[in-house]
Amino acid sequence: MGVAVRPEPAARRQYIVRLAKNGLAAGADVTEVAYRLGFDYPQHLSRMFKNITGMTPGEYRGRFRNNDL
């Protein structure tokens, strides 16, 4: 039987996503943002981001860029 991993508290997940949004809006790529936030794998940030926002970090970044034009 595997070791159970405690899920992040909701407030912490939302804080992480807010920091990720700031990094993406500043032009950083998803991998860079994930590593800066302490993720070992960018996919983990992507999954958390999509669960909270309903879109992937790449989709968010694309929308931000399109609105910035």
PDB file of N, CA and C in Angstrom:
ATOM      1  N   MET A   1       0.845  -1.170   0.000  1.00  0.00           N
ATOM      2  CA  MET A   1       0.000   0.000   0.000  1.00  0.00           C
ATOM      3  C   MET A   1       0.894   1.238   0.000  1.00  0.00           C
ATOM      4  N   GLY A   2       0.547   2.273  -0.794  1.00  0.00           N
ATOM      5  CA  GLY A   2       1.342   3.485  -0.913  1.00  0.00           C
ATOM      6  C   GLY A   2       1.130   4.435   0.244  1.00  0.00           C
ATOM      7  N   VAL A   3       1.977   5.404   0.298  1.00  0.00           N
ATOM      8  CA  VAL A   3       1.889   6.435   1.329  1.00  0.00           C
ATOM      9  C   VAL A   3       0.912   7.503   0.864  1.00  0.00           C
ATOM     10  N   ALA A   4      -0.005   7.874   1.715  1.00  0.00           N
ATOM     11  CA  ALA A   4      -0.988   8.901   1.369  1.00  0.00           C
ATOM     12  C   ALA A   4      -0.314  10.272   1.383  1.00  0.00           C
ATOM     13  N   VAL A   5      -0.632  11.069   0.394  1.00  0.00           N
ATOM     14  CA  VAL A   5      -0.107  12.426   0.318  1.00  0.00           C
ATOM     15  C   VAL A   5      -1.221  13.380   0.722  1.00  0.00           C
ATOM     16  N   ARG A   6      -0.945  14.218   1.698  1.00  0.00           N
ATOM     17  CA  ARG A   6      -1.943  15.175   2.175  1.00  0.00           C
ATOM     18  C   ARG A   6      -2.159  16.266   1.124  1.00  0.00           C
ATOM     19  N   PRO A   7      -3.390  16.471   0.725  1.00  0.00           N
ATOM     20  CA  PRO A   7      -3.645  17.521  -0.265  1.00  0.00           C
ATOM     21  C   PRO A   7      -3.391  18.902   0.336  1.00  0.00           C
ATOM     22  N   GLU A   8      -3.006  19.820  -0.538  1.00  0.00           N
ATOM     23  CA  GLU A   8      -2.774  21.197  -0.112  1.00  0.00           C
ATOM     24  C   GLU A   8      -4.086  21.813   0.362  1.00  0.00           C
ATOM     25  N   PRO A   9      -4.061  22.612   1.414  1.00  0.00           N
ATOM     26  CA  PRO A   9      -5.272  23.333   1.817  1.00  0.00           C
ATOM     27  C   PRO A   9      -5.732  24.254   0.683  1.00  0.00           C
ATOM     28  N   ALA A  10      -7.025  24.460   0.604  1.00  0.00           N
ATOM     29  CA  ALA A  10      -7.607  25.242  -0.493  1.00  0.00           C
ATOM     30  C   ALA A  10      -7.012  26.640  -0.577  1.00  0.00           C
ATOM     31  N   ALA A  11      -6.827  27.304   0.535  1.00  0.00           N
ATOM     32  CA  ALA A  11      -6.290  28.668   0.517  1.00  0.00           C
ATOM     33  C   ALA A  11      -4.874  28.682  -0.055  1.00  0.00           C
ATOM     34  N   ARG A  12      -4.085  27.692   0.273  1.00  0.00           N
ATOM     35  CA  ARG A  12      -2.713  27.616  -0.247  1.00  0.00           C
ATOM     36  C   ARG A  12      -2.730  27.369  -1.751  1.00  0.00           C
ATOM     37  N   ARG A  13      -3.600  26.502  -2.218  1.00  0.00           N
ATOM     38  CA  ARG A  13      -3.700  26.237  -3.661  1.00  0.00           C
ATOM     39  C   ARG A  13      -4.078  27.512  -4.406  1.00  0.00           C
ATOM     40  N   GLN A  14      -5.032  28.252  -3.866  1.00  0.00           N
ATOM     41  CA  GLN A  14      -5.450  29.494  -4.519  1.00  0.00           C
ATOM     42  C   GLN A  14      -4.327  30.524  -4.514  1.00  0.00           C
ATOM     43  N   TYR A  15      -3.556  30.576  -3.442  1.00  0.00           N
ATOM     44  CA  TYR A  15      -2.418  31.489  -3.367  1.00  0.00           C
ATOM     45  C   TYR A  15      -1.372  31.113  -4.427  1.00  0.00           C
ATOM     46  N   ILE A  16      -1.081  29.831  -4.551  1.00  0.00           N
ATOM     47  CA  ILE A  16      -0.115  29.362  -5.545  1.00  0.00           C
ATOM     48  C   ILE A  16      -0.589  29.725  -6.948  1.00  0.00           C
ATOM     49  N   VAL A  17      -1.863  29.528  -7.230  1.00  0.00           N
ATOM     50  CA  VAL A  17      -2.394  29.864  -8.553  1.00  0.00           C
ATOM     51  C   VAL A  17      -2.309  31.369  -8.798  1.00  0.00           C
ATOM     52  N   ARG A  18      -2.564  32.163  -7.779  1.00  0.00           N
ATOM     53  CA  ARG A  18      -2.451  33.623  -7.939  1.00  0.00           C
ATOM     54  C   ARG A  18      -1.010  34.007  -8.277  1.00  0.00           C
ATOM     55  N   LEU A  19      -0.032  33.404  -7.603  1.00  0.00           N
ATOM     56  CA  LEU A  19       1.371  33.664  -7.915  1.00  0.00           C
ATOM     57  C   LEU A  19       1.703  33.203  -9.334  1.00  0.00           C
ATOM     58  N   ALA A  20       1.156  32.058  -9.725  1.00  0.00           N
ATOM     59  CA  ALA A  20       1.387  31.551 -11.076  1.00  0.00           C
ATOM     60  C   ALA A  20       0.814  32.510 -12.114  1.00  0.00           C
ATOM     61  N   LYS A  21      -0.382  33.027 -11.868  1.00  0.00           N
ATOM     62  CA  LYS A  21      -0.980  33.990 -12.794  1.00  0.00           C
ATOM     63  C   LYS A  21      -0.084  35.211 -12.959  1.00  0.00           C
ATOM     64  N   ASN A  22       0.465  35.697 -11.856  1.00  0.00           N
ATOM     65  CA  ASN A  22       1.353  36.854 -11.921  1.00  0.00           C
ATOM     66  C   ASN A  22       2.590  36.555 -12.763  1.00  0.00           C
ATOM     67  N   GLY A  23       3.176  35.384 -12.556  1.00  0.00           N
ATOM     68  CA  GLY A  23       4.355  35.004 -13.334  1.00  0.00           C
ATOM     69  C   GLY A  23       4.050  34.850 -14.804  1.00  0.00           C
ATOM     70  N   LEU A  24       2.923  34.217 -15.118  1.00  0.00           N
ATOM     71  CA  LEU A  24       2.528  34.026 -16.513  1.00  0.00           C
ATOM     72  C   LEU A  24       2.225  35.364 -17.178  1.00  0.00           C
ATOM     73  N   ALA A  25       1.559  36.252 -16.453  1.00  0.00           N
ATOM     74  CA  ALA A  25       1.227  37.566 -16.994  1.00  0.00           C
ATOM     75  C   ALA A  25       2.491  38.386 -17.255  1.00  0.00           C
ATOM     76  N   ALA A  26       3.538  38.120 -16.477  1.00  0.00           N
ATOM     77  CA  ALA A  26       4.801  38.835 -16.656  1.00  0.00           C
ATOM     78  C   ALA A  26       5.621  38.277 -17.816  1.00  0.00           C
ATOM     79  N   GLY A  27       5.132  37.183 -18.425  1.00  0.00           N
ATOM     80  CA  GLY A  27       5.797  36.631 -19.600  1.00  0.00           C
ATOM     81  C   GLY A  27       6.616  35.381 -19.365  1.00  0.00           C
ATOM     82  N   ALA A  28       6.663  34.877 -18.138  1.00  0.00           N
ATOM     83  CA  ALA A  28       7.407  33.648 -17.858  1.00  0.00           C
ATOM     84  C   ALA A  28       6.660  32.446 -18.431  1.00  0.00           C
ATOM     85  N   ASP A  29       7.410  31.415 -18.819  1.00  0.00           N
ATOM     86  CA  ASP A  29       6.723  30.226 -19.313  1.00  0.00           C
ATOM     87  C   ASP A  29       6.309  29.335 -18.143  1.00  0.00           C
ATOM     88  N   VAL A  30       5.459  28.376 -18.430  1.00  0.00           N
ATOM     89  CA  VAL A  30       4.851  27.529 -17.399  1.00  0.00           C
ATOM     90  C   VAL A  30       5.913  26.774 -16.602  1.00  0.00           C
ATOM     91  N   THR A  31       6.907  26.239 -17.282  1.00  0.00           N
ATOM     92  CA  THR A  31       7.955  25.475 -16.600  1.00  0.00           C
ATOM     93  C   THR A  31       8.718  26.353 -15.626  1.00  0.00           C
ATOM     94  N   GLU A  32       9.077  27.544 -16.055  1.00  0.00           N
ATOM     95  CA  GLU A  32       9.810  28.476 -15.187  1.00  0.00           C
ATOM     96  C   GLU A  32       8.984  28.834 -13.953  1.00  0.00           C
ATOM     97  N   VAL A  33       7.715  29.124 -14.154  1.00  0.00           N
ATOM     98  CA  VAL A  33       6.825  29.472 -13.032  1.00  0.00           C
ATOM     99  C   VAL A  33       6.712  28.294 -12.066  1.00  0.00           C
ATOM    100  N   ALA A  34       6.535  27.103 -12.593  1.00  0.00           N
ATOM    101  CA  ALA A  34       6.393  25.920 -11.745  1.00  0.00           C
ATOM    102  C   ALA A  34       7.626  25.722 -10.871  1.00  0.00           C
ATOM    103  N   TYR A  35       8.802  25.811 -11.459  1.00  0.00           N
ATOM    104  CA  TYR A  35      10.027  25.618 -10.679  1.00  0.00           C
ATOM    105  C   TYR A  35      10.225  26.734  -9.657  1.00  0.00           C
ATOM    106  N   ARG A  36       9.889  27.960 -10.010  1.00  0.00           N
ATOM    107  CA  ARG A  36      10.006  29.073  -9.058  1.00  0.00           C
ATOM    108  C   ARG A  36       9.092  28.877  -7.857  1.00  0.00           C
ATOM    109  N   LEU A  37       7.949  28.242  -8.090  1.00  0.00           N
ATOM    110  CA  LEU A  37       6.989  28.016  -7.004  1.00  0.00           C
ATOM    111  C   LEU A  37       7.276  26.732  -6.230  1.00  0.00           C
ATOM    112  N   GLY A  38       8.347  26.033  -6.591  1.00  0.00           N
ATOM    113  CA  GLY A  38       8.765  24.861  -5.829  1.00  0.00           C
ATOM    114  C   GLY A  38       8.215  23.529  -6.301  1.00  0.00           C
ATOM    115  N   PHE A  39       7.601  23.488  -7.473  1.00  0.00           N
ATOM    116  CA  PHE A  39       7.099  22.228  -8.002  1.00  0.00           C
ATOM    117  C   PHE A  39       8.254  21.439  -8.614  1.00  0.00           C
ATOM    118  N   ASP A  40       8.269  20.132  -8.375  1.00  0.00           N
ATOM    119  CA  ASP A  40       9.275  19.273  -8.989  1.00  0.00           C
ATOM    120  C   ASP A  40       8.937  18.992 -10.451  1.00  0.00           C
ATOM    121  N   TYR A  41       7.659  19.019 -10.757  1.00  0.00           N
ATOM    122  CA  TYR A  41       7.186  18.734 -12.105  1.00  0.00           C
ATOM    123  C   TYR A  41       6.178  19.800 -12.520  1.00  0.00           C
ATOM    124  N   PRO A  42       6.391  20.456 -13.648  1.00  0.00           N
ATOM    125  CA  PRO A  42       5.459  21.491 -14.119  1.00  0.00           C
ATOM    126  C   PRO A  42       4.027  20.981 -14.277  1.00  0.00           C
ATOM    127  N   GLN A  43       3.860  19.695 -14.545  1.00  0.00           N
ATOM    128  CA  GLN A  43       2.526  19.129 -14.718  1.00  0.00           C
ATOM    129  C   GLN A  43       1.684  19.269 -13.451  1.00  0.00           C
ATOM    130  N   HIS A  44       2.332  19.230 -12.301  1.00  0.00           N
ATOM    131  CA  HIS A  44       1.588  19.357 -11.045  1.00  0.00           C
ATOM    132  C   HIS A  44       0.988  20.751 -10.921  1.00  0.00           C
ATOM    133  N   LEU A  45       1.754  21.777 -11.289  1.00  0.00           N
ATOM    134  CA  LEU A  45       1.209  23.134 -11.292  1.00  0.00           C
ATOM    135  C   LEU A  45       0.083  23.236 -12.313  1.00  0.00           C
ATOM    136  N   SER A  46       0.289  22.677 -13.492  1.00  0.00           N
ATOM    137  CA  SER A  46      -0.731  22.749 -14.545  1.00  0.00           C
ATOM    138  C   SER A  46      -2.045  22.129 -14.089  1.00  0.00           C
ATOM    139  N   ARG A  47      -1.961  20.986 -13.426  1.00  0.00           N
ATOM    140  CA  ARG A  47      -3.170  20.309 -12.947  1.00  0.00           C
ATOM    141  C   ARG A  47      -3.888  21.150 -11.898  1.00  0.00           C
ATOM    142  N   MET A  48      -3.132  21.687 -10.938  1.00  0.00           N
ATOM    143  CA  MET A  48      -3.718  22.514  -9.890  1.00  0.00           C
ATOM    144  C   MET A  48      -4.338  23.775 -10.502  1.00  0.00           C
ATOM    145  N   PHE A  49      -3.618  24.396 -11.425  1.00  0.00           N
ATOM    146  CA  PHE A  49      -4.084  25.620 -12.070  1.00  0.00           C
ATOM    147  C   PHE A  49      -5.398  25.371 -12.799  1.00  0.00           C
ATOM    148  N   LYS A  50      -5.462  24.272 -13.548  1.00  0.00           N
ATOM    149  CA  LYS A  50      -6.682  23.966 -14.307  1.00  0.00           C
ATOM    150  C   LYS A  50      -7.849  23.638 -13.384  1.00  0.00           C
ATOM    151  N   ASN A  51      -7.593  22.925 -12.304  1.00  0.00           N
ATOM    152  CA  ASN A  51      -8.667  22.597 -11.353  1.00  0.00           C
ATOM    153  C   ASN A  51      -9.279  23.844 -10.740  1.00  0.00           C
ATOM    154  N   ILE A  52      -8.473  24.872 -10.533  1.00  0.00           N
ATOM    155  CA  ILE A  52      -8.964  26.091  -9.893  1.00  0.00           C
ATOM    156  C   ILE A  52      -9.541  27.081 -10.888  1.00  0.00           C
ATOM    157  N   THR A  53      -8.873  27.256 -12.034  1.00  0.00           N
ATOM    158  CA  THR A  53      -9.286  28.301 -12.982  1.00  0.00           C
ATOM    159  C   THR A  53     -10.149  27.792 -14.127  1.00  0.00           C
ATOM    160  N   GLY A  54     -10.099  26.484 -14.390  1.00  0.00           N
ATOM    161  CA  GLY A  54     -10.843  25.933 -15.526  1.00  0.00           C
ATOM    162  C   GLY A  54     -10.087  26.016 -16.838  1.00  0.00           C
ATOM    163  N   MET A  55      -8.851  26.500 -16.808  1.00  0.00           N
ATOM    164  CA  MET A  55      -8.029  26.552 -18.011  1.00  0.00           C
ATOM    165  C   MET A  55      -6.591  26.207 -17.644  1.00  0.00           C
ATOM    166  N   THR A  56      -5.833  25.790 -18.632  1.00  0.00           N
ATOM    167  CA  THR A  56      -4.434  25.462 -18.378  1.00  0.00           C
ATOM    168  C   THR A  56      -3.629  26.752 -18.251  1.00  0.00           C
ATOM    169  N   PRO A  57      -2.431  26.672 -17.668  1.00  0.00           N
ATOM    170  CA  PRO A  57      -1.591  27.871 -17.607  1.00  0.00           C
ATOM    171  C   PRO A  57      -1.292  28.437 -18.996  1.00  0.00           C
ATOM    172  N   GLY A  58      -1.092  27.559 -19.960  1.00  0.00           N
ATOM    173  CA  GLY A  58      -0.836  28.017 -21.325  1.00  0.00           C
ATOM    174  C   GLY A  58      -2.024  28.760 -21.920  1.00  0.00           C
ATOM    175  N   GLU A  59      -3.219  28.266 -21.659  1.00  0.00           N
ATOM    176  CA  GLU A  59      -4.432  28.960 -22.126  1.00  0.00           C
ATOM    177  C   GLU A  59      -4.555  30.319 -21.448  1.00  0.00           C
ATOM    178  N   TYR A  60      -4.274  30.361 -20.157  1.00  0.00           N
ATOM    179  CA  TYR A  60      -4.337  31.634 -19.426  1.00  0.00           C
ATOM    180  C   TYR A  60      -3.332  32.624 -20.010  1.00  0.00           C
ATOM    181  N   ARG A  61      -2.134  32.160 -20.224  1.00  0.00           N
ATOM    182  CA  ARG A  61      -1.090  33.027 -20.764  1.00  0.00           C
ATOM    183  C   ARG A  61      -1.478  33.553 -22.142  1.00  0.00           C
ATOM    184  N   GLY A  62      -2.062  32.692 -22.974  1.00  0.00           N
ATOM    185  CA  GLY A  62      -2.514  33.113 -24.294  1.00  0.00           C
ATOM    186  C   GLY A  62      -3.621  34.150 -24.223  1.00  0.00           C
ATOM    187  N   ARG A  63      -4.553  33.971 -23.318  1.00  0.00           N
ATOM    188  CA  ARG A  63      -5.629  34.950 -23.160  1.00  0.00           C
ATOM    189  C   ARG A  63      -5.094  36.284 -22.673  1.00  0.00           C
ATOM    190  N   PHE A  64      -4.139  36.227 -21.745  1.00  0.00           N
ATOM    191  CA  PHE A  64      -3.567  37.464 -21.231  1.00  0.00           C
ATOM    192  C   PHE A  64      -2.845  38.209 -22.346  1.00  0.00           C
ATOM    193  N   ARG A  65      -2.081  37.486 -23.143  1.00  0.00           N
ATOM    194  CA  ARG A  65      -1.380  38.117 -24.265  1.00  0.00           C
ATOM    195  C   ARG A  65      -2.347  38.714 -25.268  1.00  0.00           C
ATOM    196  N   ASN A  66      -3.438  37.995 -25.564  1.00  0.00           N
ATOM    197  CA  ASN A  66      -4.419  38.507 -26.525  1.00  0.00           C
ATOM    198  C   ASN A  66      -5.101  39.763 -25.999  1.00  0.00           C
ATOM    199  N   ASN A  67      -5.347  39.841 -24.705  1.00  0.00           N
ATOM    200  CA  ASN A  67      -5.970  41.023 -24.120  1.00  0.00           C
ATOM    201  C   ASN A  67      -4.996  42.186 -24.022  1.00  0.00           C
ATOM    202  N   ASP A  68      -3.703  41.880 -24.047  1.00  0.00           N
ATOM    203  CA  ASP A  68      -2.668  42.898 -23.889  1.00  0.00           C
ATOM    204  C   ASP A  68      -2.389  43.648 -25.194  1.00  0.00           C
ATOM    205  N   LEU A  69      -2.859  43.106 -26.318  1.00  0.00           N
ATOM    206  CA  LEU A  69      -2.573  43.731 -27.622  1.00  0.00           C
ATOM    207  C   LEU A  69      -3.358  44.974 -27.853  1.00  0.00           C
TER     208      LEU A  69
END
